[in-house]
Amino acid sequence: MSETVEALATSLAELEAPVVIQRGRPPVEKFDSLWKILEKLEARPSQEGKLVLYRGHSSFRFKLRPSLFRNERMTGNEHKVLSELIVRHPADFDRDSNTFERLVRVQHYGLPTRLLDFTSNPLFAVFFAVENDEKDDAELILITVSTDRVKYYDSDTVHLLANLSQLKPKEKDEIKAFDSDSDSRESNSGKRLADFTAQSRPNFTNRIQRKDLGSGLIARTIRLRQVRRRTGRFLGVGRTAWRPYANP
């Protein structure tokens, strides 16, 4: 994916070093007031063909990855999590027409998913970064994403990525292992992925491309009934961890 990432610390305490560099991460600038953060963001030049999004972390130690990929046990059981929740609370999912909408709802419940919240409003991100009084410095993360990696909620690619959650770990590995798109499509795992997608998209044809499954993208979401998004309706969704940068 073509994007850049900046991390801005949002602690209101007095900080010693103006810049801290951490291995595997971009430079981290530290600020002692909200106004200085906003001034910094205001001064950033606009980039044509780019979408700027934000995410707030209550600790700079947190990793920029979906909750599902922070827990190996949950990662291996992703295909069971959604099914089990629907079995236990079927009425909550009555109005959801596809897997992506169900994942958004599961995310709202606070359960692990492959989705990661972003917002186009830095104030929202700052609020959630400093909402809880943590011992560590909070962090505001800014990502700049190429607009060709931004899809709408009804995109075939979004639905393919969402339906990866229906596959068993060995099936995801099988799709990843093939060297060509045609091999991926004709594999049992590729056909199952296409079948899951076609259940909510009757006109869907199996045009799976490995490049689309191998990286994350940003999905513009719609507001679902009884789900209040904190993010401005943007979600990162991908095959594996969303990692524009990886914490050591």
Protein backbone atom coordinates (compact mmCIF):
# COMPACT_ATOMS: atom_id res chain seq x y z
CA MET A 1 0.00 0.00 0.00
CA SER A 2 1.14 3.52 -0.69
CA GLU A 3 0.84 5.56 2.46
CA THR A 4 2.79 7.49 5.02
CA VAL A 5 2.30 7.48 8.75
CA GLU A 6 3.08 10.09 11.36
CA ALA A 7 2.68 9.70 15.10
CA LEU A 8 1.96 12.72 17.30
CA ALA A 9 2.06 12.42 21.08
CA THR A 10 -0.82 14.21 22.80
CA SER A 11 0.23 14.21 26.43
CA LEU A 12 -0.60 17.45 28.25
CA ALA A 13 2.35 16.99 30.60
CA GLU A 14 5.70 18.77 30.25
CA LEU A 15 7.90 16.66 27.96
CA GLU A 16 11.68 16.68 27.79
CA ALA A 17 12.64 15.68 24.26
CA PRO A 18 11.10 17.42 21.25
CA VAL A 19 11.48 14.35 19.01
CA VAL A 20 11.69 10.66 19.86
CA ILE A 21 12.66 8.05 17.29
CA GLN A 22 11.63 4.44 17.92
CA ARG A 23 12.80 1.47 15.89
CA GLY A 24 10.23 0.36 13.37
CA ARG A 25 8.18 3.54 13.74
CA PRO A 26 8.19 6.98 12.13
CA PRO A 27 9.45 10.03 14.03
CA VAL A 28 7.24 10.89 17.00
CA GLU A 29 6.75 14.56 17.78
CA LYS A 30 5.69 15.48 21.28
CA PHE A 31 3.37 18.35 22.19
CA ASP A 32 2.20 19.87 25.45
CA SER A 33 -1.11 21.33 24.26
CA LEU A 34 -3.96 20.59 21.88
CA TRP A 35 -3.46 23.92 20.10
CA LYS A 36 0.08 23.03 19.12
CA ILE A 37 -1.14 19.76 17.64
CA LEU A 38 -3.80 21.57 15.62
CA GLU A 39 -1.26 24.15 14.45
CA LYS A 40 1.01 21.34 13.29
CA LEU A 41 -1.81 19.66 11.38
CA GLU A 42 -2.96 22.96 9.87
CA ALA A 43 0.55 23.58 8.56
CA ARG A 44 0.72 20.26 6.71
CA PRO A 45 0.54 20.77 2.93
CA SER A 46 -2.35 19.08 1.17
CA GLN A 47 -1.54 16.18 -1.13
CA GLU A 48 -3.52 15.53 -4.28
CA GLY A 49 -4.90 12.03 -4.52
CA LYS A 50 -4.42 11.38 -0.80
CA LEU A 51 -6.84 10.93 2.08
CA VAL A 52 -5.69 11.94 5.56
CA LEU A 53 -7.10 9.94 8.47
CA TYR A 54 -6.44 9.83 12.20
CA ARG A 55 -6.52 7.34 15.04
CA GLY A 56 -6.06 7.96 18.76
CA HIS A 57 -4.27 5.59 21.14
CA SER A 58 -4.39 6.08 24.89
CA SER A 59 -0.82 4.74 25.08
CA PHE A 60 2.04 5.13 22.62
CA ARG A 61 2.86 1.48 23.32
CA PHE A 62 -0.25 0.26 21.52
CA LYS A 63 0.24 -1.28 18.10
CA LEU A 64 -1.50 -0.07 14.99
CA ARG A 65 -3.27 -3.32 14.25
CA PRO A 66 -6.83 -4.66 14.51
CA SER A 67 -7.81 -6.28 17.78
CA LEU A 68 -8.11 -9.70 16.15
CA PHE A 69 -4.41 -9.77 15.29
CA ARG A 70 -3.31 -8.89 18.83
CA ASN A 71 -4.31 -12.33 20.07
CA GLU A 72 -3.06 -15.53 18.42
CA ARG A 73 -5.84 -17.67 19.87
CA MET A 74 -8.49 -15.33 18.49
CA THR A 75 -6.76 -15.08 15.12
CA GLY A 76 -6.95 -18.85 14.73
CA ASN A 77 -10.64 -18.88 15.59
CA GLU A 78 -11.80 -15.86 13.60
CA HIS A 79 -14.19 -17.99 11.53
CA LYS A 80 -15.96 -19.08 14.72
CA VAL A 81 -16.28 -15.71 16.47
CA LEU A 82 -18.87 -14.16 14.15
CA SER A 83 -20.91 -17.36 13.79
CA GLU A 84 -21.02 -17.88 17.54
CA LEU A 85 -22.17 -14.33 18.19
CA ILE A 86 -24.94 -14.58 15.58
CA VAL A 87 -26.12 -17.86 17.10
CA ARG A 88 -26.32 -16.28 20.55
CA HIS A 89 -27.84 -12.94 19.47
CA PRO A 90 -29.60 -13.50 16.12
CA ALA A 91 -32.00 -10.58 16.51
CA ASP A 92 -29.12 -8.10 16.71
CA PHE A 93 -28.04 -9.04 13.19
CA ASP A 94 -31.46 -9.20 11.52
CA ARG A 95 -30.98 -5.95 9.62
CA ASP A 96 -27.41 -6.68 8.48
CA SER A 97 -27.27 -7.90 4.90
CA ASN A 98 -23.64 -8.99 4.57
CA THR A 99 -20.50 -10.00 6.44
CA PHE A 100 -18.99 -6.53 6.39
CA GLU A 101 -22.00 -5.04 8.16
CA ARG A 102 -21.89 -7.86 10.71
CA LEU A 103 -18.21 -7.21 11.37
CA VAL A 104 -18.96 -3.53 11.92
CA ARG A 105 -21.57 -4.51 14.50
CA VAL A 106 -19.23 -6.98 16.19
CA GLN A 107 -16.64 -4.20 16.36
CA HIS A 108 -19.26 -2.05 18.09
CA TYR A 109 -19.69 -4.77 20.71
CA GLY A 110 -15.96 -4.59 21.45
CA LEU A 111 -15.13 -8.09 20.19
CA PRO A 112 -12.00 -8.79 18.12
CA THR A 113 -12.32 -8.18 14.37
CA ARG A 114 -10.03 -7.53 11.44
CA LEU A 115 -11.34 -3.94 11.28
CA LEU A 116 -9.51 -0.88 12.56
CA ASP A 117 -11.27 2.44 13.24
CA PHE A 118 -10.07 5.70 11.69
CA THR A 119 -11.57 9.17 11.52
CA SER A 120 -11.20 12.14 9.21
CA ASN A 121 -11.58 14.49 12.22
CA PRO A 122 -8.39 14.85 14.32
CA LEU A 123 -10.40 16.17 17.27
CA PHE A 124 -12.25 12.85 17.52
CA ALA A 125 -8.95 10.99 17.52
CA VAL A 126 -7.43 13.29 20.16
CA PHE A 127 -10.48 12.84 22.37
CA PHE A 128 -10.22 9.06 22.34
CA ALA A 129 -6.47 9.26 22.85
CA VAL A 130 -6.78 11.25 26.09
CA GLU A 131 -10.22 10.11 27.25
CA ASN A 132 -8.71 7.75 29.83
CA ASP A 133 -6.01 8.82 32.24
CA GLU A 134 -3.20 6.44 31.32
CA LYS A 135 0.30 6.47 32.80
CA ASP A 136 1.84 6.46 29.32
CA ASP A 137 1.78 9.32 26.85
CA ALA A 138 -1.17 9.13 24.48
CA GLU A 139 -0.66 9.04 20.73
CA LEU A 140 -2.38 10.57 17.74
CA ILE A 141 -1.59 8.67 14.55
CA LEU A 142 -1.97 10.30 11.16
CA ILE A 143 -2.03 8.19 8.02
CA THR A 144 -2.02 9.41 4.44
CA VAL A 145 -3.63 6.88 2.12
CA SER A 146 -3.77 6.89 -1.66
CA THR A 147 -7.36 7.40 -2.76
CA ASP A 148 -7.17 4.28 -4.94
CA ARG A 149 -7.01 2.30 -1.67
CA VAL A 150 -10.25 3.88 -0.45
CA LYS A 151 -13.37 1.89 -1.29
CA TYR A 152 -17.05 2.29 -0.48
CA TYR A 153 -18.93 -0.12 1.75
CA ASP A 154 -20.48 -1.86 -1.29
CA SER A 155 -17.18 -2.57 -3.07
CA ASP A 156 -16.50 -6.17 -4.13
CA THR A 157 -13.00 -5.87 -2.71
CA VAL A 158 -14.33 -4.77 0.68
CA HIS A 159 -16.68 -7.75 0.76
CA LEU A 160 -13.95 -10.19 -0.26
CA LEU A 161 -11.70 -8.93 2.52
CA ALA A 162 -14.55 -9.07 5.02
CA ASN A 163 -15.42 -12.64 4.04
CA LEU A 164 -11.88 -13.79 4.73
CA SER A 165 -13.18 -13.88 8.30
CA GLN A 166 -15.33 -16.86 7.25
CA LEU A 167 -12.36 -18.99 6.21
CA LYS A 168 -10.33 -21.31 8.41
CA PRO A 169 -6.65 -20.42 8.95
CA LYS A 170 -5.42 -23.15 6.59
CA GLU A 171 -7.75 -21.85 3.87
CA LYS A 172 -6.38 -18.33 4.18
CA ASP A 173 -2.86 -19.73 4.01
CA GLU A 174 -3.78 -21.68 0.87
CA ILE A 175 -4.97 -18.55 -0.94
CA LYS A 176 -1.81 -16.73 0.11
CA ALA A 177 0.47 -19.56 -1.10
CA PHE A 178 -0.57 -19.54 -4.75
CA ASP A 179 1.58 -17.69 -7.28
CA SER A 180 -1.18 -16.59 -9.65
CA ASP A 181 -4.67 -15.09 -9.47
CA SER A 182 -6.12 -17.96 -11.51
CA ASP A 183 -4.73 -20.56 -9.11
CA SER A 184 -6.20 -18.66 -6.18
CA ARG A 185 -9.62 -18.47 -7.86
CA GLU A 186 -9.69 -22.17 -8.79
CA SER A 187 -8.54 -23.40 -5.38
CA ASN A 188 -11.11 -24.80 -2.96
CA SER A 189 -10.40 -21.91 -0.60
CA GLY A 190 -10.79 -19.32 -3.36
CA LYS A 191 -14.10 -20.83 -4.41
CA ARG A 192 -15.34 -20.84 -0.80
CA LEU A 193 -14.38 -17.18 -0.45
CA ALA A 194 -16.25 -16.36 -3.65
CA ASP A 195 -19.28 -18.36 -2.47
CA PHE A 196 -19.41 -16.49 0.84
CA THR A 197 -19.23 -13.19 -1.02
CA ALA A 198 -21.90 -14.17 -3.53
CA GLN A 199 -24.37 -14.97 -0.74
CA SER A 200 -24.96 -11.25 -0.25
CA ARG A 201 -23.96 -10.16 -3.77
CA PRO A 202 -25.83 -12.35 -6.28
CA ASN A 203 -24.13 -10.75 -9.29
CA PHE A 204 -20.64 -11.27 -7.92
CA THR A 205 -18.24 -13.13 -10.21
CA ASN A 206 -15.02 -14.69 -8.99
CA ARG A 207 -12.38 -12.18 -10.04
CA ILE A 208 -10.18 -12.57 -6.97
CA GLN A 209 -6.85 -10.80 -7.28
CA ARG A 210 -4.15 -11.70 -4.78
CA LYS A 211 -2.89 -8.13 -4.62
CA ASP A 212 -6.25 -7.02 -3.23
CA LEU A 213 -6.23 -9.72 -0.58
CA GLY A 214 -2.63 -9.15 0.40
CA SER A 215 -2.92 -5.60 1.72
CA GLY A 216 -5.33 -3.43 3.64
CA LEU A 217 -7.62 -0.73 2.39
CA ILE A 218 -9.86 1.95 3.83
CA ALA A 219 -13.61 1.36 3.63
CA ARG A 220 -16.09 4.22 3.83
CA THR A 221 -18.90 2.86 5.97
CA ILE A 222 -22.50 3.81 6.47
CA ARG A 223 -24.11 4.27 9.86
CA LEU A 224 -25.87 1.09 10.93
CA ARG A 225 -28.93 1.08 13.15
CA GLN A 226 -27.97 1.06 16.85
CA VAL A 227 -24.26 1.45 16.02
CA ARG A 228 -22.67 4.80 16.76
CA ARG A 229 -19.33 5.14 15.08
CA ARG A 230 -16.72 7.21 16.79
CA THR A 231 -14.59 7.50 13.72
CA GLY A 232 -16.24 9.42 10.94
CA ARG A 233 -17.11 6.16 9.15
CA PHE A 234 -13.73 4.92 7.98
CA LEU A 235 -12.48 1.40 8.66
CA GLY A 236 -9.23 -0.29 7.79
CA VAL A 237 -9.83 -3.84 6.60
CA GLY A 238 -7.29 -6.38 5.42
CA ARG A 239 -6.07 -9.97 5.18
CA THR A 240 -3.59 -9.66 8.00
CA ALA A 241 -2.57 -6.99 10.48
CA TRP A 242 -2.97 -3.41 9.31
CA ARG A 243 0.64 -2.33 9.54
CA PRO A 244 1.70 0.89 7.82
CA TYR A 245 4.36 0.61 10.48
CA ALA A 246 4.99 -2.20 12.96
CA ASN A 247 5.91 -1.68 16.58
CA PRO A 248 9.03 -3.62 17.62
